[in-house]
Amino acid sequence: MSSITQKLTQKQQRFVDEYIISGNATQAAIKAGYSKKTARFVGAENLTKPNIKVELEKRNAEIKSQKTMDMQEVMERLAAIARGETVEQQVTNKGTVVEIEPKTSDQIRAMELIGKRYGAWTDKKEVTGGLEINVGVGDWDADD
C-alpha cells in the first residue's frame, strides 16, 4: 500500500482539521494531541507526509468550492432578484427587523447584468470609409 493511499490516523485527521482552521502547524499539532515539546517538529513533518498533503489539498478544494459561485448560481440569484423573489432584512428606527422586497433599481440592475451576460444592449457602431493622418518629422513645432 502506498503512503498516499494510507488512511489518516485519528491524530493526523485532527491535525488536518486544526490546520485548516488556523494555518499554524505547531498549534494544530498541539490541539491534535501531540506533545507541546515536539509539536513544532511534528507539525512541520506532518505537512510533508504525502497522505496528509493529499487530505489537505482535498479539504482546501472542498472549502474553495463551497465559497465560490459558479455562473449558474450567479444567474439564478440575479434572476430571483430581477423577478422580486428575494427579500432583504432591514432594521427599522425602532430596532425591529423587517423583510422587504428588492427595490426596483436593484431589479433593473440585476436585469442589466443578465442582459450583459447574454450580450444584450451592446453598442455596435459600424464605421465605413477611412481616416488617414500623416504626421511627418518636422511638421510640428513643440514650442507652439
N, C-alpha and C. Protein backbone atom coordinates (compact mmCIF):
# COMPACT_ATOMS: atom_id res chain seq x y z
N MET A 1 0.86 -1.18 0.00
CA MET A 1 0.00 0.00 0.00
C MET A 1 0.89 1.23 0.00
N SER A 2 0.65 2.16 -0.93
CA SER A 2 1.48 3.35 -0.98
C SER A 2 1.08 4.31 0.14
N SER A 3 2.03 5.19 0.50
CA SER A 3 1.77 6.11 1.60
C SER A 3 0.68 7.12 1.26
N ILE A 4 0.46 7.38 -0.04
CA ILE A 4 -0.56 8.33 -0.43
C ILE A 4 -1.96 7.79 -0.15
N THR A 5 -2.15 6.49 -0.29
CA THR A 5 -3.47 5.91 -0.09
C THR A 5 -3.69 5.45 1.35
N GLN A 6 -2.69 5.62 2.22
CA GLN A 6 -2.88 5.22 3.60
C GLN A 6 -3.90 6.13 4.26
N LYS A 7 -4.71 5.51 5.11
CA LYS A 7 -5.71 6.27 5.83
C LYS A 7 -5.02 7.06 6.94
N LEU A 8 -5.57 8.22 7.25
CA LEU A 8 -5.00 9.04 8.31
C LEU A 8 -5.35 8.46 9.68
N THR A 9 -4.41 8.58 10.59
CA THR A 9 -4.70 8.20 11.97
C THR A 9 -5.65 9.24 12.55
N GLN A 10 -6.19 8.95 13.71
CA GLN A 10 -7.11 9.90 14.35
C GLN A 10 -6.40 11.21 14.66
N LYS A 11 -5.15 11.13 15.14
CA LYS A 11 -4.37 12.34 15.44
C LYS A 11 -4.09 13.13 14.17
N GLN A 12 -3.75 12.42 13.11
CA GLN A 12 -3.47 13.09 11.84
C GLN A 12 -4.72 13.79 11.32
N GLN A 13 -5.87 13.14 11.44
CA GLN A 13 -7.13 13.76 11.00
C GLN A 13 -7.42 15.00 11.82
N ARG A 14 -7.21 14.93 13.12
CA ARG A 14 -7.42 16.11 13.97
C ARG A 14 -6.42 17.20 13.60
N PHE A 15 -5.18 16.81 13.28
CA PHE A 15 -4.17 17.78 12.84
C PHE A 15 -4.67 18.50 11.59
N VAL A 16 -5.16 17.75 10.61
CA VAL A 16 -5.67 18.34 9.37
C VAL A 16 -6.81 19.31 9.68
N ASP A 17 -7.76 18.87 10.53
CA ASP A 17 -8.89 19.72 10.89
C ASP A 17 -8.42 21.04 11.51
N GLU A 18 -7.49 20.94 12.45
CA GLU A 18 -6.99 22.13 13.14
C GLU A 18 -6.14 23.00 12.23
N TYR A 19 -5.37 22.38 11.35
CA TYR A 19 -4.53 23.15 10.43
C TYR A 19 -5.39 23.93 9.44
N ILE A 20 -6.50 23.34 9.01
CA ILE A 20 -7.43 24.03 8.11
C ILE A 20 -7.96 25.29 8.81
N ILE A 21 -8.23 25.20 10.09
CA ILE A 21 -8.79 26.32 10.85
C ILE A 21 -7.74 27.41 11.06
N SER A 22 -6.55 27.03 11.54
CA SER A 22 -5.57 28.03 11.97
C SER A 22 -4.48 28.34 10.95
N GLY A 23 -4.12 27.37 10.13
CA GLY A 23 -3.00 27.56 9.22
C GLY A 23 -1.66 27.50 9.93
N ASN A 24 -1.67 27.12 11.19
CA ASN A 24 -0.46 27.05 12.01
C ASN A 24 -0.19 25.59 12.38
N ALA A 25 0.89 25.03 11.85
CA ALA A 25 1.18 23.61 12.04
C ALA A 25 1.47 23.27 13.49
N THR A 26 2.20 24.14 14.20
CA THR A 26 2.53 23.88 15.60
C THR A 26 1.27 23.85 16.46
N GLN A 27 0.43 24.87 16.31
CA GLN A 27 -0.81 24.91 17.08
C GLN A 27 -1.74 23.76 16.71
N ALA A 28 -1.77 23.41 15.44
CA ALA A 28 -2.60 22.29 15.01
C ALA A 28 -2.13 20.99 15.64
N ALA A 29 -0.82 20.82 15.72
CA ALA A 29 -0.26 19.61 16.34
C ALA A 29 -0.62 19.54 17.82
N ILE A 30 -0.51 20.66 18.52
CA ILE A 30 -0.85 20.69 19.95
C ILE A 30 -2.33 20.36 20.14
N LYS A 31 -3.20 21.00 19.36
CA LYS A 31 -4.64 20.76 19.50
C LYS A 31 -5.02 19.34 19.08
N ALA A 32 -4.21 18.73 18.23
CA ALA A 32 -4.49 17.36 17.80
C ALA A 32 -4.04 16.34 18.84
N GLY A 33 -3.30 16.80 19.84
CA GLY A 33 -2.90 15.90 20.91
C GLY A 33 -1.43 15.51 20.92
N TYR A 34 -0.62 16.10 20.06
CA TYR A 34 0.81 15.84 20.09
C TYR A 34 1.43 16.62 21.24
N SER A 35 2.59 16.18 21.69
CA SER A 35 3.30 16.83 22.80
C SER A 35 3.67 18.26 22.44
N LYS A 36 3.54 19.17 23.40
CA LYS A 36 3.93 20.56 23.17
C LYS A 36 5.41 20.67 22.86
N LYS A 37 6.22 19.78 23.45
CA LYS A 37 7.68 19.82 23.23
C LYS A 37 8.03 19.49 21.79
N THR A 38 7.29 18.60 21.19
CA THR A 38 7.61 18.16 19.82
C THR A 38 6.65 18.71 18.77
N ALA A 39 5.71 19.53 19.19
CA ALA A 39 4.66 20.00 18.29
C ALA A 39 5.21 20.72 17.07
N ARG A 40 6.24 21.53 17.26
CA ARG A 40 6.80 22.28 16.13
C ARG A 40 7.36 21.32 15.09
N PHE A 41 8.11 20.34 15.55
CA PHE A 41 8.72 19.36 14.65
C PHE A 41 7.65 18.49 14.00
N VAL A 42 6.73 17.98 14.81
CA VAL A 42 5.68 17.09 14.30
C VAL A 42 4.79 17.83 13.30
N GLY A 43 4.45 19.09 13.62
CA GLY A 43 3.62 19.88 12.71
C GLY A 43 4.28 20.04 11.35
N ALA A 44 5.56 20.41 11.35
CA ALA A 44 6.30 20.58 10.09
C ALA A 44 6.42 19.25 9.36
N GLU A 45 6.69 18.20 10.09
CA GLU A 45 6.82 16.87 9.49
C GLU A 45 5.49 16.42 8.88
N ASN A 46 4.40 16.66 9.61
CA ASN A 46 3.08 16.26 9.10
C ASN A 46 2.78 16.91 7.75
N LEU A 47 3.20 18.15 7.59
CA LEU A 47 2.92 18.86 6.34
C LEU A 47 3.68 18.28 5.15
N THR A 48 4.70 17.47 5.43
CA THR A 48 5.47 16.84 4.34
C THR A 48 4.99 15.43 4.03
N LYS A 49 4.14 14.86 4.87
CA LYS A 49 3.66 13.49 4.66
C LYS A 49 2.66 13.47 3.51
N PRO A 50 2.88 12.60 2.53
CA PRO A 50 2.01 12.58 1.34
C PRO A 50 0.53 12.39 1.66
N ASN A 51 0.19 11.51 2.58
CA ASN A 51 -1.22 11.28 2.87
C ASN A 51 -1.87 12.50 3.52
N ILE A 52 -1.12 13.23 4.32
CA ILE A 52 -1.66 14.45 4.94
C ILE A 52 -1.75 15.56 3.89
N LYS A 53 -0.76 15.66 3.02
CA LYS A 53 -0.80 16.66 1.96
C LYS A 53 -2.00 16.45 1.05
N VAL A 54 -2.26 15.20 0.70
CA VAL A 54 -3.40 14.88 -0.16
C VAL A 54 -4.70 15.26 0.54
N GLU A 55 -4.83 14.96 1.81
CA GLU A 55 -6.04 15.30 2.56
C GLU A 55 -6.22 16.81 2.67
N LEU A 56 -5.13 17.53 2.92
CA LEU A 56 -5.21 18.99 3.00
C LEU A 56 -5.64 19.59 1.65
N GLU A 57 -5.07 19.09 0.57
CA GLU A 57 -5.44 19.57 -0.76
C GLU A 57 -6.92 19.30 -1.04
N LYS A 58 -7.37 18.10 -0.67
CA LYS A 58 -8.77 17.72 -0.88
C LYS A 58 -9.69 18.63 -0.08
N ARG A 59 -9.37 18.84 1.17
CA ARG A 59 -10.21 19.68 2.05
C ARG A 59 -10.20 21.13 1.59
N ASN A 60 -9.05 21.64 1.18
CA ASN A 60 -8.98 23.02 0.70
C ASN A 60 -9.80 23.20 -0.57
N ALA A 61 -9.78 22.19 -1.45
CA ALA A 61 -10.58 22.25 -2.68
C ALA A 61 -12.07 22.27 -2.34
N GLU A 62 -12.48 21.47 -1.35
CA GLU A 62 -13.89 21.45 -0.92
C GLU A 62 -14.30 22.82 -0.37
N ILE A 63 -13.44 23.40 0.44
CA ILE A 63 -13.73 24.70 1.03
C ILE A 63 -13.83 25.75 -0.06
N LYS A 64 -12.89 25.73 -0.99
CA LYS A 64 -12.91 26.69 -2.10
C LYS A 64 -14.19 26.53 -2.90
N SER A 65 -14.58 25.30 -3.16
CA SER A 65 -15.78 25.03 -3.94
C SER A 65 -17.02 25.57 -3.24
N GLN A 66 -17.07 25.46 -1.92
CA GLN A 66 -18.23 25.92 -1.16
C GLN A 66 -18.29 27.44 -1.09
N LYS A 67 -17.13 28.09 -1.18
CA LYS A 67 -17.09 29.53 -1.02
C LYS A 67 -17.23 30.29 -2.34
N THR A 68 -17.19 29.60 -3.45
CA THR A 68 -17.28 30.30 -4.73
C THR A 68 -18.60 29.95 -5.41
N MET A 69 -19.00 30.85 -6.27
CA MET A 69 -20.23 30.63 -7.05
C MET A 69 -19.85 30.28 -8.47
N ASP A 70 -20.58 29.38 -9.05
CA ASP A 70 -20.38 29.17 -10.48
C ASP A 70 -21.37 30.08 -11.21
N MET A 71 -21.22 30.18 -12.51
CA MET A 71 -22.05 31.09 -13.29
C MET A 71 -23.53 30.73 -13.20
N GLN A 72 -23.84 29.46 -13.09
CA GLN A 72 -25.24 29.02 -12.96
C GLN A 72 -25.86 29.63 -11.70
N GLU A 73 -25.16 29.54 -10.58
CA GLU A 73 -25.68 30.08 -9.33
C GLU A 73 -25.81 31.60 -9.39
N VAL A 74 -24.84 32.27 -10.00
CA VAL A 74 -24.90 33.72 -10.15
C VAL A 74 -26.15 34.10 -10.94
N MET A 75 -26.36 33.43 -12.07
CA MET A 75 -27.50 33.76 -12.92
C MET A 75 -28.82 33.47 -12.21
N GLU A 76 -28.90 32.39 -11.44
CA GLU A 76 -30.12 32.06 -10.71
C GLU A 76 -30.43 33.13 -9.66
N ARG A 77 -29.40 33.60 -8.96
CA ARG A 77 -29.63 34.63 -7.94
C ARG A 77 -30.03 35.95 -8.58
N LEU A 78 -29.37 36.31 -9.68
CA LEU A 78 -29.75 37.53 -10.38
C LEU A 78 -31.19 37.45 -10.88
N ALA A 79 -31.57 36.29 -11.41
CA ALA A 79 -32.94 36.11 -11.90
C ALA A 79 -33.94 36.24 -10.75
N ALA A 80 -33.63 35.67 -9.61
CA ALA A 80 -34.53 35.76 -8.45
C ALA A 80 -34.68 37.22 -8.00
N ILE A 81 -33.60 37.98 -8.02
CA ILE A 81 -33.68 39.40 -7.65
C ILE A 81 -34.51 40.15 -8.68
N ALA A 82 -34.23 39.90 -9.95
CA ALA A 82 -34.96 40.59 -11.02
C ALA A 82 -36.45 40.30 -10.96
N ARG A 83 -36.83 39.11 -10.58
CA ARG A 83 -38.25 38.73 -10.51
C ARG A 83 -38.91 39.17 -9.19
N GLY A 84 -38.12 39.68 -8.25
CA GLY A 84 -38.67 40.08 -6.96
C GLY A 84 -38.94 38.90 -6.05
N GLU A 85 -38.24 37.79 -6.27
CA GLU A 85 -38.46 36.58 -5.47
C GLU A 85 -37.61 36.53 -4.21
N THR A 86 -36.79 37.52 -3.99
CA THR A 86 -35.93 37.54 -2.81
C THR A 86 -36.42 38.61 -1.85
N VAL A 87 -35.97 38.53 -0.62
CA VAL A 87 -36.26 39.56 0.37
C VAL A 87 -34.97 39.96 1.05
N GLU A 88 -34.95 41.20 1.52
CA GLU A 88 -33.81 41.69 2.28
C GLU A 88 -34.29 41.98 3.69
N GLN A 89 -33.39 41.83 4.65
CA GLN A 89 -33.73 42.20 6.01
C GLN A 89 -33.25 43.62 6.25
N GLN A 90 -34.11 44.42 6.85
CA GLN A 90 -33.77 45.80 7.12
C GLN A 90 -34.19 46.12 8.55
N VAL A 91 -33.36 46.88 9.23
CA VAL A 91 -33.66 47.27 10.61
C VAL A 91 -34.36 48.62 10.59
N THR A 92 -35.49 48.69 11.30
CA THR A 92 -36.24 49.94 11.36
C THR A 92 -35.65 50.85 12.44
N ASN A 93 -36.16 52.09 12.51
CA ASN A 93 -35.70 53.03 13.54
C ASN A 93 -36.00 52.52 14.94
N LYS A 94 -37.00 51.67 15.07
CA LYS A 94 -37.38 51.11 16.38
C LYS A 94 -36.54 49.90 16.75
N GLY A 95 -35.66 49.48 15.84
CA GLY A 95 -34.79 48.34 16.11
C GLY A 95 -35.36 47.00 15.72
N THR A 96 -36.53 46.98 15.12
CA THR A 96 -37.10 45.71 14.67
C THR A 96 -36.60 45.39 13.27
N VAL A 97 -36.57 44.13 12.97
CA VAL A 97 -36.11 43.68 11.66
C VAL A 97 -37.33 43.34 10.81
N VAL A 98 -37.36 43.94 9.62
CA VAL A 98 -38.45 43.65 8.69
C VAL A 98 -37.86 43.15 7.38
N GLU A 99 -38.65 42.37 6.67
CA GLU A 99 -38.21 41.88 5.36
C GLU A 99 -38.86 42.73 4.28
N ILE A 100 -38.04 43.17 3.33
CA ILE A 100 -38.56 43.98 2.23
C ILE A 100 -38.17 43.34 0.91
N GLU A 101 -39.00 43.59 -0.08
CA GLU A 101 -38.71 43.08 -1.42
C GLU A 101 -37.61 43.95 -2.03
N PRO A 102 -36.93 43.44 -3.05
CA PRO A 102 -35.88 44.24 -3.67
C PRO A 102 -36.46 45.51 -4.29
N LYS A 103 -35.68 46.59 -4.23
CA LYS A 103 -36.10 47.84 -4.85
C LYS A 103 -36.11 47.67 -6.37
N THR A 104 -36.91 48.48 -7.02
CA THR A 104 -36.98 48.43 -8.48
C THR A 104 -35.59 48.65 -9.08
N SER A 105 -34.81 49.57 -8.49
CA SER A 105 -33.46 49.83 -9.02
C SER A 105 -32.57 48.59 -8.92
N ASP A 106 -32.74 47.81 -7.85
CA ASP A 106 -31.97 46.56 -7.72
C ASP A 106 -32.42 45.54 -8.76
N GLN A 107 -33.72 45.49 -9.01
CA GLN A 107 -34.23 44.57 -10.02
C GLN A 107 -33.73 44.96 -11.41
N ILE A 108 -33.75 46.25 -11.70
CA ILE A 108 -33.25 46.71 -13.00
C ILE A 108 -31.77 46.40 -13.15
N ARG A 109 -31.00 46.63 -12.10
CA ARG A 109 -29.56 46.33 -12.15
C ARG A 109 -29.33 44.84 -12.40
N ALA A 110 -30.10 43.98 -11.75
CA ALA A 110 -29.98 42.54 -11.97
C ALA A 110 -30.29 42.19 -13.42
N MET A 111 -31.33 42.82 -13.96
CA MET A 111 -31.67 42.56 -15.36
C MET A 111 -30.58 43.06 -16.30
N GLU A 112 -29.96 44.19 -15.97
CA GLU A 112 -28.86 44.70 -16.78
C GLU A 112 -27.69 43.71 -16.79
N LEU A 113 -27.37 43.18 -15.62
CA LEU A 113 -26.27 42.22 -15.54
C LEU A 113 -26.57 40.94 -16.31
N ILE A 114 -27.83 40.49 -16.24
CA ILE A 114 -28.22 39.31 -17.02
C ILE A 114 -28.10 39.63 -18.51
N GLY A 115 -28.60 40.80 -18.89
CA GLY A 115 -28.51 41.22 -20.29
C GLY A 115 -27.08 41.29 -20.78
N LYS A 116 -26.19 41.83 -19.95
CA LYS A 116 -24.77 41.90 -20.34
C LYS A 116 -24.20 40.50 -20.55
N ARG A 117 -24.61 39.58 -19.70
CA ARG A 117 -24.11 38.21 -19.80
C ARG A 117 -24.47 37.60 -21.15
N TYR A 118 -25.65 37.96 -21.65
CA TYR A 118 -26.11 37.40 -22.92
C TYR A 118 -25.86 38.33 -24.11
N GLY A 119 -25.13 39.42 -23.88
CA GLY A 119 -24.73 40.29 -24.98
C GLY A 119 -25.80 41.27 -25.43
N ALA A 120 -26.83 41.46 -24.64
CA ALA A 120 -27.85 42.46 -24.99
C ALA A 120 -27.28 43.84 -24.72
N TRP A 121 -27.86 44.84 -25.33
CA TRP A 121 -27.50 46.24 -25.12
C TRP A 121 -26.05 46.55 -25.44
N THR A 122 -25.46 45.78 -26.34
CA THR A 122 -24.10 46.06 -26.74
C THR A 122 -24.14 47.11 -27.84
N ASP A 123 -23.47 48.22 -27.59
CA ASP A 123 -23.43 49.27 -28.61
C ASP A 123 -22.44 48.86 -29.68
N LYS A 124 -22.98 48.71 -30.88
CA LYS A 124 -22.13 48.36 -32.02
C LYS A 124 -22.28 49.46 -33.04
N LYS A 125 -21.19 50.02 -33.44
CA LYS A 125 -21.22 51.07 -34.44
C LYS A 125 -20.36 50.62 -35.61
N GLU A 126 -20.98 50.69 -36.77
CA GLU A 126 -20.25 50.29 -37.97
C GLU A 126 -19.58 51.53 -38.54
N VAL A 127 -18.30 51.43 -38.77
CA VAL A 127 -17.54 52.54 -39.31
C VAL A 127 -17.15 52.19 -40.73
N THR A 128 -17.54 53.07 -41.65
CA THR A 128 -17.17 52.86 -43.04
C THR A 128 -16.29 54.01 -43.48
N GLY A 129 -15.58 53.80 -44.53
CA GLY A 129 -14.67 54.84 -45.01
C GLY A 129 -13.37 54.76 -44.25
N GLY A 130 -12.52 55.68 -44.51
CA GLY A 130 -11.23 55.65 -43.85
C GLY A 130 -10.81 57.03 -43.42
N LEU A 131 -9.94 57.07 -42.50
CA LEU A 131 -9.38 58.30 -42.00
C LEU A 131 -7.88 58.14 -42.02
N GLU A 132 -7.22 59.07 -42.66
CA GLU A 132 -5.79 58.95 -42.78
C GLU A 132 -5.15 60.18 -42.17
N ILE A 133 -4.22 59.98 -41.28
CA ILE A 133 -3.50 61.08 -40.66
C ILE A 133 -2.02 60.85 -40.92
N ASN A 134 -1.40 61.82 -41.53
CA ASN A 134 0.03 61.73 -41.80
C ASN A 134 0.75 62.83 -41.04
N VAL A 135 1.65 62.44 -40.20
CA VAL A 135 2.48 63.40 -39.49
C VAL A 135 3.92 63.06 -39.80
N GLY A 136 4.58 63.97 -40.39
CA GLY A 136 5.98 63.73 -40.72
C GLY A 136 6.89 64.47 -39.75
N VAL A 137 8.10 64.04 -39.67
CA VAL A 137 9.08 64.70 -38.82
C VAL A 137 9.27 66.12 -39.32
N GLY A 138 9.21 67.07 -38.41
CA GLY A 138 9.38 68.45 -38.79
C GLY A 138 8.08 69.15 -39.11
N ASP A 139 6.94 68.45 -39.11
CA ASP A 139 5.65 69.06 -39.41
C ASP A 139 5.06 69.82 -38.23
N TRP A 140 5.62 69.63 -37.08
CA TRP A 140 5.08 70.33 -35.92
C TRP A 140 6.21 70.92 -35.11
N ASP A 141 5.90 71.92 -34.34
CA ASP A 141 6.90 72.61 -33.53
C ASP A 141 6.47 72.50 -32.07
N ALA A 142 7.26 71.89 -31.23
CA ALA A 142 6.93 71.68 -29.84
C ALA A 142 6.80 72.97 -29.07
N ASP A 143 7.35 74.08 -29.56
CA ASP A 143 7.28 75.35 -28.83
C ASP A 143 6.00 76.11 -29.10
N ASP A 144 5.16 75.67 -30.03
CA ASP A 144 3.92 76.41 -30.34
C ASP A 144 2.94 76.31 -29.22
